[in-house]
Amino acid sequence: MTNALRERLAPLGTSLPVIQIIKRVVDEGALNQLDLARKIELEPSALCRIVIELESKGLVRRERDPDDKRRVLVTATPAGAALLARAQPHMLAGLEPIASRLTRSEHAQLCRLLEKLVAGG
């Protein structure tokens, strides 16, 4: 699945970690870098490098947490949200050949199982 997504994102000039970062901060709002790294399962140093690059491209904004000046919060910019919107159809198209191997019942079962894993119960 990862390879299929990489292939679909490459023509857009982006990568899966970039889209994961932007999606998280679009969906959840401002996140500190350590929490963001944990949520997308990236090493904090790797996340920091990517976030600095994204900030230089105007896709995210970093600012100190007003409640804890040691932490840096990451938020998406309108340009970042626009990149996410452009990328999502490509990602879905990349997953379609894989998902089409499942019957409707298997697909529903997989969704339920994944939701259970994400919910932690």
C-alpha atoms as a PDB file:
ATOM      1  CA  MET A   1       0.000   0.000   0.000  1.00  0.00           C
ATOM      2  CA  THR A   2       2.822   2.367   0.869  1.00  0.00           C
ATOM      3  CA  ASN A   3       4.412   1.855  -2.540  1.00  0.00           C
ATOM      4  CA  ALA A   4       1.095   2.481  -4.291  1.00  0.00           C
ATOM      5  CA  LEU A   5       0.676   5.740  -2.372  1.00  0.00           C
ATOM      6  CA  ARG A   6       4.252   6.834  -3.081  1.00  0.00           C
ATOM      7  CA  GLU A   7       3.713   6.278  -6.797  1.00  0.00           C
ATOM      8  CA  ARG A   8       0.562   8.388  -6.762  1.00  0.00           C
ATOM      9  CA  LEU A   9       2.088  11.216  -4.720  1.00  0.00           C
ATOM     10  CA  ALA A  10       5.387  11.514  -6.620  1.00  0.00           C
ATOM     11  CA  PRO A  11       3.876  13.382  -9.623  1.00  0.00           C
ATOM     12  CA  LEU A  12       2.488  15.935  -7.171  1.00  0.00           C
ATOM     13  CA  GLY A  13       5.982  16.530  -5.824  1.00  0.00           C
ATOM     14  CA  THR A  14       5.104  15.318  -2.358  1.00  0.00           C
ATOM     15  CA  SER A  15       5.473  12.274  -0.129  1.00  0.00           C
ATOM     16  CA  LEU A  16       3.439  10.174   2.246  1.00  0.00           C
ATOM     17  CA  PRO A  17       5.010  11.661   5.424  1.00  0.00           C
ATOM     18  CA  VAL A  18       4.262  15.178   4.161  1.00  0.00           C
ATOM     19  CA  ILE A  19       0.629  14.308   3.532  1.00  0.00           C
ATOM     20  CA  GLN A  20       0.384  12.522   6.901  1.00  0.00           C
ATOM     21  CA  ILE A  21       1.705  15.608   8.693  1.00  0.00           C
ATOM     22  CA  ILE A  22      -0.609  18.013   6.913  1.00  0.00           C
ATOM     23  CA  LYS A  23      -3.629  15.706   7.308  1.00  0.00           C
ATOM     24  CA  ARG A  24      -3.095  15.424  11.069  1.00  0.00           C
ATOM     25  CA  VAL A  25      -2.848  19.160  11.637  1.00  0.00           C
ATOM     26  CA  VAL A  26      -5.774  19.875   9.317  1.00  0.00           C
ATOM     27  CA  ASP A  27      -7.929  17.293  11.120  1.00  0.00           C
ATOM     28  CA  GLU A  28      -6.803  17.976  14.689  1.00  0.00           C
ATOM     29  CA  GLY A  29      -5.632  21.577  14.629  1.00  0.00           C
ATOM     30  CA  ALA A  30      -2.355  22.736  16.155  1.00  0.00           C
ATOM     31  CA  LEU A  31      -0.213  19.865  17.430  1.00  0.00           C
ATOM     32  CA  ASN A  32       3.122  19.982  19.159  1.00  0.00           C
ATOM     33  CA  GLN A  33       5.904  18.362  17.189  1.00  0.00           C
ATOM     34  CA  LEU A  34       6.472  15.510  19.639  1.00  0.00           C
ATOM     35  CA  ASP A  35       2.796  14.488  19.654  1.00  0.00           C
ATOM     36  CA  LEU A  36       2.680  14.803  15.872  1.00  0.00           C
ATOM     37  CA  ALA A  37       5.739  12.547  15.515  1.00  0.00           C
ATOM     38  CA  ARG A  38       4.105   9.927  17.721  1.00  0.00           C
ATOM     39  CA  LYS A  39       0.790  10.063  15.891  1.00  0.00           C
ATOM     40  CA  ILE A  40       2.332   9.459  12.483  1.00  0.00           C
ATOM     41  CA  GLU A  41       5.050   7.155  13.816  1.00  0.00           C
ATOM     42  CA  LEU A  42       8.035   9.212  12.719  1.00  0.00           C
ATOM     43  CA  GLU A  43      11.214   9.860  14.659  1.00  0.00           C
ATOM     44  CA  PRO A  44      11.018  13.369  16.165  1.00  0.00           C
ATOM     45  CA  SER A  45      14.230  14.449  14.408  1.00  0.00           C
ATOM     46  CA  ALA A  46      12.882  13.280  11.025  1.00  0.00           C
ATOM     47  CA  LEU A  47       9.582  15.043  11.649  1.00  0.00           C
ATOM     48  CA  CYS A  48      11.418  18.229  12.611  1.00  0.00           C
ATOM     49  CA  ARG A  49      13.377  18.229   9.337  1.00  0.00           C
ATOM     50  CA  ILE A  50      10.220  17.697   7.285  1.00  0.00           C
ATOM     51  CA  VAL A  51       8.269  20.360   9.183  1.00  0.00           C
ATOM     52  CA  ILE A  52      11.076  22.912   8.666  1.00  0.00           C
ATOM     53  CA  GLU A  53      10.981  22.146   4.931  1.00  0.00           C
ATOM     54  CA  LEU A  54       7.181  22.413   4.851  1.00  0.00           C
ATOM     55  CA  GLU A  55       7.337  25.728   6.661  1.00  0.00           C
ATOM     56  CA  SER A  56       9.843  27.073   4.113  1.00  0.00           C
ATOM     57  CA  LYS A  57       7.360  26.096   1.361  1.00  0.00           C
ATOM     58  CA  GLY A  58       4.481  27.818   3.168  1.00  0.00           C
ATOM     59  CA  LEU A  59       2.555  24.585   3.799  1.00  0.00           C
ATOM     60  CA  VAL A  60       2.664  24.664   7.617  1.00  0.00           C
ATOM     61  CA  ARG A  61       3.346  27.228  10.293  1.00  0.00           C
ATOM     62  CA  ARG A  62       5.377  26.651  13.449  1.00  0.00           C
ATOM     63  CA  GLU A  63       5.025  28.740  16.574  1.00  0.00           C
ATOM     64  CA  ARG A  64       5.832  28.418  20.242  1.00  0.00           C
ATOM     65  CA  ASP A  65       3.092  26.998  22.440  1.00  0.00           C
ATOM     66  CA  PRO A  66       1.831  29.926  24.543  1.00  0.00           C
ATOM     67  CA  ASP A  67       1.233  27.524  27.456  1.00  0.00           C
ATOM     68  CA  ASP A  68       4.669  25.885  27.286  1.00  0.00           C
ATOM     69  CA  LYS A  69       7.378  27.835  25.475  1.00  0.00           C
ATOM     70  CA  ARG A  70       9.512  24.680  25.166  1.00  0.00           C
ATOM     71  CA  ARG A  71       7.045  23.143  22.735  1.00  0.00           C
ATOM     72  CA  VAL A  72       6.555  24.065  19.089  1.00  0.00           C
ATOM     73  CA  LEU A  73       3.061  23.862  17.622  1.00  0.00           C
ATOM     74  CA  VAL A  74       2.486  22.981  13.977  1.00  0.00           C
ATOM     75  CA  THR A  75      -0.564  24.180  12.042  1.00  0.00           C
ATOM     76  CA  ALA A  76      -1.513  23.871   8.391  1.00  0.00           C
ATOM     77  CA  THR A  77      -1.645  26.904   6.145  1.00  0.00           C
ATOM     78  CA  PRO A  78      -4.253  27.335   3.412  1.00  0.00           C
ATOM     79  CA  ALA A  79      -1.597  26.202   0.922  1.00  0.00           C
ATOM     80  CA  GLY A  80      -1.016  23.049   2.972  1.00  0.00           C
ATOM     81  CA  ALA A  81      -4.738  22.322   3.103  1.00  0.00           C
ATOM     82  CA  ALA A  82      -4.920  22.843  -0.674  1.00  0.00           C
ATOM     83  CA  LEU A  83      -2.063  20.358  -1.228  1.00  0.00           C
ATOM     84  CA  LEU A  84      -3.906  17.835   0.933  1.00  0.00           C
ATOM     85  CA  ALA A  85      -7.098  18.345  -1.083  1.00  0.00           C
ATOM     86  CA  ARG A  86      -5.166  17.772  -4.345  1.00  0.00           C
ATOM     87  CA  ALA A  87      -3.400  14.692  -2.965  1.00  0.00           C
ATOM     88  CA  GLN A  88      -6.373  12.849  -1.495  1.00  0.00           C
ATOM     89  CA  PRO A  89      -7.963  11.757  -4.813  1.00  0.00           C
ATOM     90  CA  HIS A  90      -4.567  10.469  -6.004  1.00  0.00           C
ATOM     91  CA  MET A  91      -4.142   8.488  -2.786  1.00  0.00           C
ATOM     92  CA  LEU A  92      -7.613   6.981  -3.050  1.00  0.00           C
ATOM     93  CA  ALA A  93      -6.915   6.017  -6.667  1.00  0.00           C
ATOM     94  CA  GLY A  94      -3.702   4.347  -5.539  1.00  0.00           C
ATOM     95  CA  LEU A  95      -5.543   2.296  -2.934  1.00  0.00           C
ATOM     96  CA  GLU A  96      -8.416   1.288  -5.218  1.00  0.00           C
ATOM     97  CA  PRO A  97      -6.630  -1.632  -6.953  1.00  0.00           C
ATOM     98  CA  ILE A  98      -5.701  -3.050  -3.547  1.00  0.00           C
ATOM     99  CA  ALA A  99      -9.128  -2.532  -1.993  1.00  0.00           C
ATOM    100  CA  SER A 100     -10.856  -4.045  -5.038  1.00  0.00           C
ATOM    101  CA  ARG A 101      -9.413  -7.446  -4.091  1.00  0.00           C
ATOM    102  CA  LEU A 102     -11.849  -7.590  -1.160  1.00  0.00           C
ATOM    103  CA  THR A 103     -15.512  -8.434  -1.332  1.00  0.00           C
ATOM    104  CA  ARG A 104     -17.965  -5.885   0.026  1.00  0.00           C
ATOM    105  CA  SER A 105     -18.323  -7.969   3.192  1.00  0.00           C
ATOM    106  CA  GLU A 106     -14.547  -8.283   3.634  1.00  0.00           C
ATOM    107  CA  HIS A 107     -14.146  -4.555   3.120  1.00  0.00           C
ATOM    108  CA  ALA A 108     -16.750  -3.786   5.793  1.00  0.00           C
ATOM    109  CA  GLN A 109     -15.101  -6.249   8.168  1.00  0.00           C
ATOM    110  CA  LEU A 110     -11.667  -4.705   7.555  1.00  0.00           C
ATOM    111  CA  CYS A 111     -13.049  -1.218   8.241  1.00  0.00           C
ATOM    112  CA  ARG A 112     -14.604  -2.391  11.511  1.00  0.00           C
ATOM    113  CA  LEU A 113     -11.347  -4.046  12.586  1.00  0.00           C
ATOM    114  CA  LEU A 114      -9.271  -0.988  11.712  1.00  0.00           C
ATOM    115  CA  GLU A 115     -11.671   1.284  13.587  1.00  0.00           C
ATOM    116  CA  LYS A 116     -11.369  -1.019  16.587  1.00  0.00           C
ATOM    117  CA  LEU A 117      -7.575  -0.868  16.435  1.00  0.00           C
ATOM    118  CA  VAL A 118      -7.568   2.913  16.149  1.00  0.00           C
ATOM    119  CA  ALA A 119     -10.048   3.267  19.024  1.00  0.00           C
ATOM    120  CA  GLY A 120      -7.807   1.069  21.162  1.00  0.00           C
ATOM    121  CA  GLY A 121     -10.496  -1.370  22.172  1.00  0.00           C
END
